[in-house]
Amino acid sequence: MGRDPCGVETEILLTSYSFWPRIGGIESVTEMLARRFREAGRLVSVVTETPYDGEEPFPYPVIRCPSPATVVRLITSARCVLQNHPSLRLGWPLLGIGKPFVVAVQTWCSFSAVRGAAFRCLLRRVGCCVSISEAIAQHLPVSSVIVPNPYDEEIFWTTGEEKRTRDCVFVGRMVQEKGPLLFLEALDLLRQKGHHLSATFVGDGPMLPEVKERVRQLGMEDWVEFEGFRVGEEVAQLMRKHRILVVPSIWQEPFGIVAVEGIACGCAVVGSEGGGLKAAIGPCGLTFPNGDARALAARIEELVLKPERFRELLAHAPAHLRPLTSRVIAERYLQIIDDLLSVS
């Protein structure tokens, strides 16, 4: 085991092109894995392209915006490299250095042109390729092991005793592919059938003004609330006030950890079935074809009209969530790394 350029011994070099203080799926997964690796007694360092000038709030080294020479030294000194999604800027030496490494593919990749060819080369040299869902695994040009993304069980949980005073909640960026307007269309269809459901939008983004204007046009101001940007415990608290989490993504989600977080907070999930989202929902919710507002409305109505269906879905939550906690997923990655090191 060597020392990185900061003079810190590194067993596992965890690369993440994006990291805190940016907020998102890749950033959250990297933080959870690094934290759990550290708790397991492993010497882990995180290297990222995300700048930050303040004091690092983490119990492990974070190296930001490294030079090419620093990337070489970091990779050379570590026992193993785990790339949380392929990154050529943070992993190009792996194409030539005989270093054990793991790549976790978090989303769809382009394998065309020069960059795509380099990605193909990287994945063909990897000691172990990890896909976060079966959908991602089928997308890749190499075989992979499926390890779903984890959720933070210390933040997202339910006692089962919460008073759920509101019906539906949307959590995500206000962008077209996440389907906020599709959700509103479904709510309007339900209203036309006499179901005046309360709904909350949690998130920010370029479409927020348009979504608010659409609520005004539909005359739904009395039933729809906007909470704006929230993270972590704030999101969990809001989820615990609702019965149904709606994930109406129009695009093919690679996985959809927000669905798992909602289930952990006691919500049944209604989500689009394309990509990896269906696997994230599992037996704890209902799915509909991507982009189909009438089908979305029908699934929500099913839960509204049949309370027993709601209870039936949530009865599956403990078994569904058990293998998705950050501790369990970190242990799976550590086993992959240890197995790789044992034969290198």
Protein backbone atom coordinates (compact mmCIF):
# COMPACT_ATOMS: atom_id res chain seq x y z
CA MET A 1 0.00 0.00 0.00
CA GLY A 2 1.43 3.38 -1.00
CA ARG A 3 0.87 6.99 -0.14
CA ASP A 4 -1.01 9.41 -2.35
CA PRO A 5 0.37 12.88 -3.21
CA CYS A 6 -1.13 14.21 0.01
CA GLY A 7 0.98 11.74 2.00
CA VAL A 8 -2.01 9.57 2.94
CA GLU A 9 -1.95 5.78 2.68
CA THR A 10 -4.59 4.60 0.23
CA GLU A 11 -6.00 1.11 -0.08
CA ILE A 12 -9.01 2.03 -2.22
CA LEU A 13 -8.94 5.03 -4.54
CA LEU A 14 -12.57 5.93 -5.24
CA THR A 15 -12.95 8.16 -8.31
CA SER A 16 -16.11 10.16 -8.95
CA TYR A 17 -16.10 12.81 -11.65
CA SER A 18 -18.78 14.66 -9.64
CA PHE A 19 -18.92 14.88 -5.84
CA TRP A 20 -20.15 17.01 -2.95
CA PRO A 21 -21.06 19.89 -2.75
CA ARG A 22 -22.88 18.96 -5.95
CA ILE A 23 -26.04 16.99 -5.27
CA GLY A 24 -27.17 13.97 -7.27
CA GLY A 25 -27.17 10.20 -7.50
CA ILE A 26 -23.51 9.64 -8.34
CA GLU A 27 -22.42 12.13 -5.68
CA SER A 28 -24.58 10.47 -3.00
CA VAL A 29 -23.43 6.96 -3.86
CA THR A 30 -19.77 7.98 -3.76
CA GLU A 31 -20.21 9.60 -0.35
CA MET A 32 -22.06 6.60 1.08
CA LEU A 33 -19.52 4.08 -0.21
CA ALA A 34 -16.54 6.09 1.00
CA ARG A 35 -18.14 6.55 4.42
CA ARG A 36 -18.98 2.85 4.79
CA PHE A 37 -15.52 1.79 3.54
CA ARG A 38 -13.98 4.04 6.19
CA GLU A 39 -16.25 2.62 8.88
CA ALA A 40 -15.12 -0.86 7.83
CA GLY A 41 -11.54 0.15 8.57
CA ARG A 42 -10.42 0.57 4.95
CA LEU A 43 -8.09 3.37 3.93
CA VAL A 44 -10.07 5.15 1.23
CA SER A 45 -9.44 8.36 -0.69
CA VAL A 46 -11.85 10.11 -3.05
CA VAL A 47 -10.64 11.90 -6.17
CA THR A 48 -13.02 14.12 -8.12
CA GLU A 49 -13.23 16.84 -10.74
CA THR A 50 -15.61 18.89 -8.57
CA PRO A 51 -13.90 21.97 -7.07
CA TYR A 52 -14.38 23.13 -3.48
CA ASP A 53 -12.28 25.64 -1.55
CA GLY A 54 -13.59 25.10 1.99
CA GLU A 55 -12.68 22.64 4.70
CA GLU A 56 -13.61 19.08 3.76
CA PRO A 57 -16.35 17.65 6.05
CA PHE A 58 -15.35 14.02 5.45
CA PRO A 59 -13.35 11.53 7.55
CA TYR A 60 -11.25 10.54 4.51
CA PRO A 61 -9.03 12.46 2.07
CA VAL A 62 -10.69 14.16 -0.91
CA ILE A 63 -8.43 15.19 -3.80
CA ARG A 64 -10.09 17.67 -6.15
CA CYS A 65 -9.29 18.64 -9.73
CA PRO A 66 -5.99 16.74 -9.89
CA SER A 67 -3.42 17.34 -12.59
CA PRO A 68 -2.60 14.46 -14.96
CA ALA A 69 0.62 13.84 -13.05
CA THR A 70 -1.31 13.68 -9.78
CA VAL A 71 -3.79 11.20 -11.29
CA VAL A 72 -0.87 8.94 -12.23
CA ARG A 73 0.59 9.12 -8.72
CA LEU A 74 -2.81 8.50 -7.08
CA ILE A 75 -3.51 5.42 -9.17
CA THR A 76 0.02 4.08 -8.86
CA SER A 77 0.05 4.38 -5.06
CA ALA A 78 -3.37 2.81 -4.39
CA ARG A 79 -3.87 -0.93 -4.02
CA CYS A 80 -7.11 -0.83 -6.01
CA VAL A 81 -9.17 1.74 -7.91
CA LEU A 82 -12.97 1.90 -7.89
CA GLN A 83 -14.40 4.21 -10.54
CA ASN A 84 -17.93 5.27 -9.69
CA HIS A 85 -18.86 5.57 -13.37
CA PRO A 86 -16.22 5.53 -16.11
CA SER A 87 -14.07 8.65 -16.26
CA LEU A 88 -11.19 8.97 -18.68
CA ARG A 89 -9.83 12.11 -17.01
CA LEU A 90 -9.60 10.32 -13.67
CA GLY A 91 -8.77 6.88 -15.02
CA TRP A 92 -6.74 7.15 -18.21
CA PRO A 93 -3.60 5.63 -16.59
CA LEU A 94 -5.62 2.43 -16.02
CA LEU A 95 -5.39 1.83 -19.77
CA GLY A 96 -1.66 1.24 -19.41
CA ILE A 97 -0.88 0.58 -15.74
CA GLY A 98 -1.42 -2.96 -14.48
CA LYS A 99 -3.50 -1.85 -11.51
CA PRO A 100 -6.53 -3.84 -10.23
CA PHE A 101 -9.63 -1.74 -10.79
CA VAL A 102 -13.41 -1.89 -10.68
CA VAL A 103 -15.79 0.27 -12.71
CA ALA A 104 -19.38 0.83 -11.58
CA VAL A 105 -21.51 2.01 -14.51
CA GLN A 106 -24.15 4.42 -13.23
CA THR A 107 -25.92 5.51 -16.40
CA TRP A 108 -26.08 5.12 -20.17
CA CYS A 109 -22.76 5.56 -21.99
CA SER A 110 -22.04 6.41 -25.59
CA PHE A 111 -19.63 3.94 -27.19
CA SER A 112 -19.28 5.82 -30.48
CA ALA A 113 -16.43 7.97 -31.79
CA VAL A 114 -13.01 8.24 -30.13
CA ARG A 115 -14.31 8.75 -26.59
CA GLY A 116 -16.61 5.76 -26.92
CA ALA A 117 -13.76 3.60 -28.17
CA ALA A 118 -11.72 4.62 -25.13
CA PHE A 119 -14.63 3.67 -22.85
CA ARG A 120 -14.80 0.27 -24.54
CA CYS A 121 -11.07 -0.22 -24.01
CA LEU A 122 -11.36 0.76 -20.34
CA LEU A 123 -14.23 -1.67 -19.73
CA ARG A 124 -12.39 -4.51 -21.48
CA ARG A 125 -9.39 -4.04 -19.20
CA VAL A 126 -11.40 -3.79 -15.98
CA GLY A 127 -11.00 -6.44 -13.30
CA CYS A 128 -14.72 -6.29 -12.55
CA CYS A 129 -17.44 -4.27 -14.24
CA VAL A 130 -20.48 -3.44 -12.10
CA SER A 131 -23.89 -2.41 -13.45
CA ILE A 132 -26.45 -0.75 -11.19
CA SER A 133 -29.35 -2.52 -12.93
CA GLU A 134 -30.12 -5.24 -15.45
CA ALA A 135 -31.03 -2.50 -17.92
CA ILE A 136 -27.53 -1.02 -17.70
CA ALA A 137 -25.97 -4.50 -17.90
CA GLN A 138 -27.75 -5.17 -21.19
CA HIS A 139 -26.53 -1.82 -22.52
CA LEU A 140 -22.82 -2.58 -21.99
CA PRO A 141 -20.42 -4.21 -24.48
CA VAL A 142 -18.90 -6.37 -21.70
CA SER A 143 -20.31 -8.70 -19.07
CA SER A 144 -20.93 -7.22 -15.63
CA VAL A 145 -22.04 -7.95 -12.08
CA ILE A 146 -25.27 -6.24 -11.00
CA VAL A 147 -24.98 -4.29 -7.75
CA PRO A 148 -27.88 -1.84 -7.27
CA ASN A 149 -27.27 1.61 -5.87
CA PRO A 150 -27.70 1.95 -2.10
CA TYR A 151 -29.97 4.20 -0.09
CA ASP A 152 -28.99 5.85 3.20
CA GLU A 153 -30.87 3.90 5.85
CA GLU A 154 -29.92 6.44 8.53
CA ILE A 155 -31.93 9.15 6.74
CA PHE A 156 -34.72 7.31 4.92
CA TRP A 157 -36.88 5.23 7.26
CA THR A 158 -40.37 4.96 8.68
CA THR A 159 -41.79 4.07 12.07
CA GLY A 160 -45.06 3.04 10.49
CA GLU A 161 -46.87 5.44 12.81
CA GLU A 162 -46.58 8.66 10.81
CA LYS A 163 -49.72 10.64 10.03
CA ARG A 164 -49.77 10.87 6.25
CA THR A 165 -51.84 13.96 5.62
CA ARG A 166 -51.11 14.30 1.90
CA ASP A 167 -51.63 12.01 -1.09
CA CYS A 168 -48.86 12.22 -3.72
CA VAL A 169 -45.31 13.54 -3.78
CA PHE A 170 -42.91 14.13 -6.68
CA VAL A 171 -39.19 14.36 -5.81
CA GLY A 172 -36.75 15.31 -8.55
CA ARG A 173 -35.37 17.98 -10.84
CA MET A 174 -37.91 20.05 -12.69
CA VAL A 175 -36.84 18.96 -16.15
CA GLN A 176 -38.76 17.42 -19.03
CA GLU A 177 -37.28 13.94 -18.71
CA LYS A 178 -38.42 13.61 -15.09
CA GLY A 179 -42.06 14.08 -16.12
CA PRO A 180 -43.48 16.80 -13.82
CA LEU A 181 -45.99 17.93 -16.45
CA LEU A 182 -47.03 14.32 -17.06
CA PHE A 183 -47.79 14.04 -13.36
CA LEU A 184 -49.93 17.17 -13.52
CA GLU A 185 -51.79 15.78 -16.52
CA ALA A 186 -52.54 12.63 -14.55
CA LEU A 187 -53.76 14.66 -11.56
CA ASP A 188 -56.07 16.61 -13.87
CA LEU A 189 -57.47 13.38 -15.31
CA LEU A 190 -58.13 12.14 -11.79
CA ARG A 191 -59.82 15.42 -10.87
CA GLN A 192 -62.14 15.03 -13.85
CA LYS A 193 -63.20 11.71 -12.32
CA GLY A 194 -63.88 13.35 -8.95
CA HIS A 195 -60.57 12.61 -7.21
CA HIS A 196 -59.18 15.86 -5.81
CA LEU A 197 -55.78 14.62 -4.65
CA SER A 198 -53.25 16.71 -2.78
CA ALA A 199 -49.80 16.74 -4.34
CA THR A 200 -46.38 18.13 -3.46
CA PHE A 201 -43.50 18.90 -5.81
CA VAL A 202 -40.06 18.70 -4.18
CA GLY A 203 -37.23 19.97 -6.35
CA ASP A 204 -36.00 22.81 -8.51
CA GLY A 205 -34.97 23.21 -12.11
CA PRO A 206 -35.58 25.14 -15.34
CA MET A 207 -39.17 23.88 -15.73
CA LEU A 208 -40.36 25.04 -12.30
CA PRO A 209 -42.00 28.27 -13.57
CA GLU A 210 -43.76 26.33 -16.32
CA VAL A 211 -45.03 23.72 -13.88
CA LYS A 212 -46.32 26.39 -11.52
CA GLU A 213 -48.05 28.17 -14.38
CA ARG A 214 -49.68 24.93 -15.46
CA VAL A 215 -51.01 24.41 -11.94
CA ARG A 216 -52.51 27.90 -12.10
CA GLN A 217 -54.09 27.23 -15.50
CA LEU A 218 -55.66 24.03 -14.21
CA GLY A 219 -57.00 25.80 -11.12
CA MET A 220 -55.22 23.35 -8.82
CA GLU A 221 -53.53 25.82 -6.48
CA ASP A 222 -55.56 24.56 -3.50
CA TRP A 223 -54.27 21.00 -3.91
CA VAL A 224 -50.70 21.41 -5.21
CA GLU A 225 -47.78 22.65 -3.12
CA PHE A 226 -44.17 23.41 -4.08
CA GLU A 227 -41.39 22.79 -1.55
CA GLY A 228 -38.46 23.77 -3.75
CA PHE A 229 -34.99 22.28 -3.45
CA ARG A 230 -34.54 19.92 -0.49
CA VAL A 231 -31.91 17.34 0.40
CA GLY A 232 -31.41 14.49 2.81
CA GLU A 233 -33.47 14.57 5.98
CA GLU A 234 -35.70 17.34 4.62
CA VAL A 235 -36.72 15.07 1.73
CA ALA A 236 -37.29 12.14 4.07
CA GLN A 237 -39.52 14.20 6.36
CA LEU A 238 -41.64 15.28 3.40
CA MET A 239 -41.90 11.72 2.09
CA ARG A 240 -43.17 10.56 5.48
CA LYS A 241 -46.12 12.98 5.14
CA HIS A 242 -47.34 11.35 1.89
CA ARG A 243 -48.89 8.04 0.91
CA ILE A 244 -47.73 7.76 -2.71
CA LEU A 245 -44.42 8.68 -4.32
CA VAL A 246 -44.86 9.32 -8.04
CA VAL A 247 -41.81 8.85 -10.28
CA PRO A 248 -43.17 9.71 -13.76
CA SER A 249 -39.87 9.73 -15.67
CA ILE A 250 -40.23 10.02 -19.41
CA TRP A 251 -36.66 8.94 -20.08
CA GLN A 252 -35.29 5.48 -19.24
CA GLU A 253 -34.00 5.74 -15.67
CA PRO A 254 -30.79 3.73 -15.15
CA PHE A 255 -32.07 2.70 -11.70
CA GLY A 256 -34.02 5.24 -9.64
CA ILE A 257 -32.82 5.43 -6.04
CA VAL A 258 -35.54 7.99 -5.21
CA ALA A 259 -38.05 5.13 -5.48
CA VAL A 260 -36.12 3.11 -2.91
CA GLU A 261 -35.91 6.14 -0.61
CA GLY A 262 -39.67 6.62 -0.88
CA ILE A 263 -40.33 2.97 -0.04
CA ALA A 264 -38.02 3.26 2.97
CA CYS A 265 -40.11 6.24 4.14
CA GLY A 266 -43.33 4.25 3.89
CA CYS A 267 -44.61 5.36 0.49
CA ALA A 268 -46.05 3.10 -2.16
CA VAL A 269 -44.50 4.02 -5.51
CA VAL A 270 -46.09 4.62 -8.88
CA GLY A 271 -43.36 4.89 -11.49
CA SER A 272 -42.58 4.46 -15.17
CA GLU A 273 -41.51 0.98 -16.14
CA GLY A 274 -38.71 1.66 -18.64
CA GLY A 275 -35.02 1.27 -17.88
CA GLY A 276 -34.01 0.23 -14.37
CA LEU A 277 -36.75 2.02 -12.43
CA LYS A 278 -38.99 -1.04 -12.37
CA ALA A 279 -36.27 -2.96 -10.52
CA ALA A 280 -35.87 -0.15 -7.99
CA ILE A 281 -39.62 -0.19 -7.28
CA GLY A 282 -39.76 -3.98 -7.11
CA PRO A 283 -42.90 -5.38 -5.45
CA CYS A 284 -43.52 -2.17 -3.50
CA GLY A 285 -45.33 -0.20 -6.19
CA LEU A 286 -47.05 -0.09 -9.55
CA THR A 287 -45.61 0.80 -12.94
CA PHE A 288 -46.95 2.30 -16.15
CA PRO A 289 -45.58 2.79 -19.69
CA ASN A 290 -43.26 5.80 -19.90
CA GLY A 291 -45.09 8.94 -21.00
CA ASP A 292 -48.64 7.51 -20.64
CA ALA A 293 -50.59 9.98 -18.48
CA ARG A 294 -53.81 7.93 -18.54
CA ALA A 295 -52.01 4.81 -17.36
CA LEU A 296 -50.30 6.86 -14.63
CA ALA A 297 -53.68 8.20 -13.48
CA ALA A 298 -55.11 4.68 -13.45
CA ARG A 299 -52.29 3.36 -11.22
CA ILE A 300 -52.72 6.23 -8.75
CA GLU A 301 -56.48 5.68 -8.74
CA GLU A 302 -55.96 2.00 -7.97
CA LEU A 303 -54.10 2.88 -4.79
CA VAL A 304 -56.64 5.56 -3.85
CA LEU A 305 -59.65 3.28 -4.30
CA LYS A 306 -58.08 0.13 -2.83
CA PRO A 307 -56.39 0.81 0.52
CA GLU A 308 -55.74 -2.91 0.87
CA ARG A 309 -53.59 -2.77 -2.27
CA PHE A 310 -51.52 -0.04 -0.66
CA ARG A 311 -50.94 -2.20 2.43
CA GLU A 312 -50.17 -5.25 0.30
CA LEU A 313 -47.43 -3.41 -1.59
CA LEU A 314 -45.79 -2.02 1.53
CA ALA A 315 -45.74 -5.44 3.17
CA HIS A 316 -42.93 -6.29 0.75
CA ALA A 317 -40.81 -3.29 1.78
CA PRO A 318 -38.58 -4.89 4.47
CA ALA A 319 -37.43 -7.71 2.19
CA HIS A 320 -37.00 -5.37 -0.77
CA LEU A 321 -34.97 -2.83 1.21
CA ARG A 322 -32.72 -5.20 3.15
CA PRO A 323 -30.16 -5.79 0.36
CA LEU A 324 -30.18 -2.10 -0.68
CA THR A 325 -28.87 -0.42 2.48
CA SER A 326 -25.59 1.47 2.21
CA ARG A 327 -23.92 -1.00 4.59
CA VAL A 328 -24.91 -4.07 2.58
CA ILE A 329 -23.99 -2.52 -0.79
CA ALA A 330 -20.63 -1.31 0.58
CA GLU A 331 -19.93 -4.85 1.80
CA ARG A 332 -20.65 -6.19 -1.68
CA TYR A 333 -18.18 -3.75 -3.22
CA LEU A 334 -15.55 -4.62 -0.62
CA GLN A 335 -16.00 -8.32 -1.40
CA ILE A 336 -15.55 -7.60 -5.12
CA ILE A 337 -12.40 -5.59 -4.38
CA ASP A 338 -10.98 -8.23 -2.03
CA ASP A 339 -11.65 -11.00 -4.53
CA LEU A 340 -9.93 -8.97 -7.25
CA LEU A 341 -6.89 -8.27 -5.06
CA SER A 342 -6.61 -11.93 -4.05
CA VAL A 343 -5.98 -12.99 -7.65
CA SER A 344 -3.95 -9.99 -8.84
